Protein backbone atom coordinates (compact mmCIF):
# COMPACT_ATOMS: atom_id res chain seq x y z
CA UNK A 1 19.80 5.15 9.53
CA UNK A 2 16.32 4.14 10.69
CA UNK A 3 13.59 2.53 8.59
CA UNK A 4 11.99 5.88 7.79
CA UNK A 5 15.28 7.41 6.67
CA UNK A 6 16.14 4.40 4.53
CA UNK A 7 12.78 4.41 2.79
CA UNK A 8 12.90 8.14 2.14
CA UNK A 9 16.43 7.97 0.75
CA UNK A 10 15.59 4.98 -1.44
CA UNK A 11 12.82 6.74 -3.32
CA UNK A 12 14.18 10.31 -3.01
CA UNK A 13 10.84 11.66 -1.95
CA UNK A 14 11.89 13.90 0.90
CA UNK A 15 13.45 17.28 0.29
CA UNK A 16 15.58 19.09 2.85
CA UNK A 17 12.49 20.88 4.15
CA UNK A 18 10.73 17.48 4.52
CA UNK A 19 7.98 18.24 2.02
CA UNK A 20 6.88 15.21 -0.01
CA UNK A 21 6.02 14.94 -3.69
CA UNK A 22 5.40 12.02 -6.02
CA UNK A 23 7.95 11.01 -8.62
CA UNK A 24 7.04 11.87 -12.23
CA UNK A 25 5.90 9.05 -14.46
CA UNK A 26 9.12 7.62 -15.90
CA UNK A 27 9.87 7.77 -19.61
CA UNK A 28 10.92 4.17 -20.14
CA UNK A 29 10.93 2.58 -23.60
CA UNK A 30 12.18 -0.75 -24.93
CA UNK A 31 11.61 0.26 -28.58
CA UNK A 32 12.33 3.37 -30.61
CA UNK A 33 9.62 5.91 -31.42
CA UNK A 34 9.40 4.59 -35.01
CA UNK A 35 9.02 0.97 -33.90
CA UNK A 36 5.87 -0.89 -32.99
CA UNK A 37 5.51 -1.57 -29.27
CA UNK A 38 5.80 -5.32 -28.62
CA UNK A 39 2.68 -5.44 -26.44
CA UNK A 40 -0.45 -3.28 -26.65
CA UNK A 41 -1.27 -1.79 -23.24
CA UNK A 42 -4.96 -2.62 -23.55
CA UNK A 43 -4.18 -6.22 -24.43
CA UNK A 44 -1.70 -6.38 -21.56
CA UNK A 45 -4.41 -5.31 -19.12
CA UNK A 46 -6.97 -7.71 -20.59
CA UNK A 47 -4.73 -10.78 -20.48
CA UNK A 48 -3.20 -10.06 -17.06
CA UNK A 49 -6.72 -9.50 -15.74
CA UNK A 50 -7.22 -13.25 -16.12
CA UNK A 51 -5.10 -13.71 -13.02
CA UNK A 52 -7.29 -13.50 -9.92
CA UNK A 53 -5.65 -11.61 -7.08
CA UNK A 54 -6.38 -11.08 -3.44
CA UNK A 55 -7.10 -7.55 -2.25
CA UNK A 56 -5.40 -5.68 0.59
CA UNK A 57 -5.27 -2.22 2.09
CA UNK A 58 -1.79 -1.01 2.97
CA UNK A 59 -1.77 1.55 5.78
CA UNK A 60 0.82 3.65 7.59
CA UNK A 61 0.67 5.74 10.77
CA UNK A 62 0.68 9.50 10.88
CA UNK A 63 4.20 10.91 11.19
CA UNK A 64 5.20 13.36 13.88
CA UNK A 65 1.96 13.13 15.85
CA UNK A 66 -0.17 14.27 12.92
CA UNK A 67 -3.36 12.65 14.17
CA UNK A 68 -2.95 13.06 17.93
CA UNK A 69 -2.10 9.40 18.59
CA UNK A 70 -5.33 7.80 19.80
CA UNK A 71 -5.75 4.08 20.50
CA UNK A 72 -8.65 2.11 18.94
CA UNK A 73 -10.55 4.78 17.08
CA UNK A 74 -12.24 6.06 13.98
CA UNK A 75 -9.81 8.58 12.55
CA UNK A 76 -9.75 10.56 9.32
CA UNK A 77 -6.88 11.10 6.91
CA UNK A 78 -6.51 12.33 3.33
CA UNK A 79 -3.95 11.78 0.58
CA UNK A 80 -1.19 14.32 1.04
CA UNK A 81 -2.62 15.54 4.36
CA UNK A 82 -2.34 14.89 8.07
CA UNK A 83 -3.37 11.64 9.71
CA UNK A 84 -2.71 8.04 8.75
CA UNK A 85 -2.22 6.97 5.12
CA UNK A 86 -3.65 4.03 3.19
CA UNK A 87 -4.38 2.69 -0.28
CA UNK A 88 -5.99 -0.38 -1.85
CA UNK A 89 -3.41 -2.81 -3.19
CA UNK A 90 -3.82 -5.98 -5.27
CA UNK A 91 -0.13 -6.51 -5.97
CA UNK A 92 0.85 -7.99 -2.61
CA UNK A 93 2.65 -11.26 -1.99
CA UNK A 94 4.82 -13.14 0.46
CA UNK A 95 8.48 -13.06 -0.54
CA UNK A 96 10.75 -14.83 1.95
CA UNK A 97 10.46 -17.07 4.99
CA UNK A 98 13.95 -16.47 6.39
CA UNK A 99 14.01 -13.58 6.97
CA UNK A 100 10.23 -13.02 6.88
CA UNK A 101 9.64 -10.64 3.98
CA UNK A 102 6.60 -9.52 1.99
CA UNK A 103 6.31 -7.22 -1.01
CA UNK A 104 3.83 -4.93 -2.70
CA UNK A 105 3.91 -2.77 -5.81
CA UNK A 106 2.81 0.84 -5.98
CA UNK A 107 2.70 3.35 -8.84
CA UNK A 108 5.52 5.88 -8.86
CA UNK A 109 2.96 8.68 -9.18
CA UNK A 110 1.04 7.58 -6.07
CA UNK A 111 0.32 10.40 -3.64
CA UNK A 112 -0.04 7.97 -0.73
CA UNK A 113 3.25 6.11 -1.09
CA UNK A 114 5.47 9.10 -0.12
CA UNK A 115 3.67 9.24 3.23
CA UNK A 116 4.27 5.53 3.79
CA UNK A 117 7.93 6.08 2.87
CA UNK A 118 8.13 8.89 5.39
CA UNK A 119 6.74 6.63 8.12
CA UNK A 120 9.09 3.79 7.17
CA UNK A 121 6.56 1.22 8.38
CA UNK A 122 3.24 -0.16 7.17
CA UNK A 123 0.51 -2.70 7.87
CA UNK A 124 -1.02 -4.92 5.19
CA UNK A 125 -4.72 -5.59 5.82
CA UNK A 126 -6.05 -8.64 3.93
CA UNK A 127 -9.69 -7.98 3.03
CA UNK A 128 -12.59 -10.41 3.34
CA UNK A 129 -15.27 -10.96 0.69
CA UNK A 130 -17.65 -8.54 2.40
CA UNK A 131 -15.20 -5.62 2.31
CA UNK A 132 -15.42 -4.59 -1.34
CA UNK A 133 -16.82 -1.22 -0.26
CA UNK A 134 -13.82 -0.69 2.01
CA UNK A 135 -11.51 -1.46 -0.91
CA UNK A 136 -13.30 1.10 -3.11
CA UNK A 137 -12.98 3.74 -0.38
CA UNK A 138 -9.23 3.23 -0.15
CA UNK A 139 -8.88 3.16 -3.94
CA UNK A 140 -10.28 6.69 -4.18
CA UNK A 141 -7.96 9.69 -4.36
CA UNK A 142 -8.27 12.97 -2.51
CA UNK A 143 -10.90 11.71 -0.07
CA UNK A 144 -11.02 11.09 3.67
CA UNK A 145 -10.30 7.37 3.41
CA UNK A 146 -10.51 6.66 7.13
CA UNK A 147 -13.87 8.41 7.69
CA UNK A 148 -16.13 5.94 9.50
CA UNK A 149 -13.53 3.15 9.29
CA UNK A 150 -12.95 1.34 12.59
CA UNK A 151 -9.35 0.41 13.31
CA UNK A 152 -6.78 0.09 16.03
CA UNK A 153 -2.99 0.35 16.01
CA UNK A 154 -0.83 -2.52 14.78
CA UNK A 155 1.41 -3.63 17.67
CA UNK A 156 4.84 -2.65 16.32
CA UNK A 157 4.36 0.00 13.61
CA UNK A 158 1.26 1.68 15.02
CA UNK A 159 -0.19 1.66 11.49
CA UNK A 160 -3.97 1.36 11.24
CA UNK A 161 -5.14 -2.26 11.58
CA UNK A 162 -8.59 -2.33 10.00
CA UNK A 163 -11.49 -4.12 11.67
CA UNK A 164 -13.07 -7.20 10.13
CA UNK A 165 -10.14 -8.28 7.95
CA UNK A 166 -8.89 -11.80 7.31
CA UNK A 167 -5.35 -11.05 8.46
CA UNK A 168 -2.86 -8.29 9.13
CA UNK A 169 0.90 -8.12 8.58
CA UNK A 170 2.89 -5.44 10.41
CA UNK A 171 6.09 -4.44 8.58
CA UNK A 172 9.08 -2.13 8.39
CA UNK A 173 10.28 -0.94 4.99
CA UNK A 174 13.22 -3.21 4.12
CA UNK A 175 14.05 -2.18 0.54
CA UNK A 176 12.56 -0.28 -2.41
CA UNK A 177 13.30 -1.18 -6.04
CA UNK A 178 12.21 0.46 -9.29
CA UNK A 179 10.10 -1.58 -11.70
CA UNK A 180 9.11 0.49 -14.73
CA UNK A 181 6.31 2.86 -13.76
CA UNK A 182 6.00 1.17 -10.35
CA UNK A 183 8.06 0.69 -7.21
CA UNK A 184 8.58 -2.71 -5.60
CA UNK A 185 8.44 -2.24 -1.84
CA UNK A 186 9.88 -5.02 0.32
CA UNK A 187 8.74 -5.14 3.94
CA UNK A 188 10.33 -7.02 6.84
CA UNK A 189 7.57 -8.58 8.93
CA UNK A 190 7.65 -7.53 12.59
CA UNK A 191 4.28 -8.98 13.70
CA UNK A 192 1.25 -10.64 12.12
CA UNK A 193 -2.00 -12.36 12.91
CA UNK A 194 -5.48 -13.24 11.77
CA UNK A 195 -8.32 -10.78 12.09
CA UNK A 196 -11.93 -10.79 13.18
CA UNK A 197 -13.03 -11.99 9.73
CA UNK A 198 -10.54 -14.86 9.58
CA UNK A 199 -13.24 -17.46 8.85
CA UNK A 200 -14.73 -15.46 5.96
CA UNK A 201 -13.79 -16.09 2.30
CA UNK A 202 -11.26 -13.65 0.80
CA UNK A 203 -12.05 -10.69 -1.42
CA UNK A 204 -10.81 -11.48 -4.94
CA UNK A 205 -10.45 -9.30 -8.03
CA UNK A 206 -10.73 -10.90 -11.47
CA UNK A 207 -11.28 -9.36 -14.92
CA UNK A 208 -12.22 -5.98 -13.56
CA UNK A 209 -14.66 -7.05 -10.85
CA UNK A 210 -14.77 -8.39 -7.33
CA UNK A 211 -15.58 -12.05 -6.72
């Protein structure tokens, strides 16, 4: 089974007719309905927001020739539609040196993740401090995220490699694990390098704002 088949089977996103739909938000509880939740969700967000994180855009190529397969280009694509896929992601980290693995987390209700699962490959684009606007564009839902965005194809996956980033990591989906209302996606690194903005400071997110 190839990477695409493994990813699709792992998250059960693909029906027999190959249509894709997001998983419902899971009903997961550690306490009974009549018990007080151990942690308030608002407090959880506030405290965890103290941890500054880097910001990335995870992209995947169009599947089955959806975008016509150009080289370096400016190409459009929408959530749930044809063309390449992408979303802004703060929850990215390195995982293993041998073998080279990375990981990111994505909500189980994401409309972009099923398209990445279908492709079975992805590219992590590490954003520079001047790319906050690019992050906001890829954080939006139901829009043409790639409109006006210059990119070329990552060397192995063919996923969009965005211009002006600090670095890029080309990956194949290695494993997918459930984690509450999110999925933990493990990628096996197939190629990587620094980008045009390698000498710039990184884009950071801390307490609800970019630094």
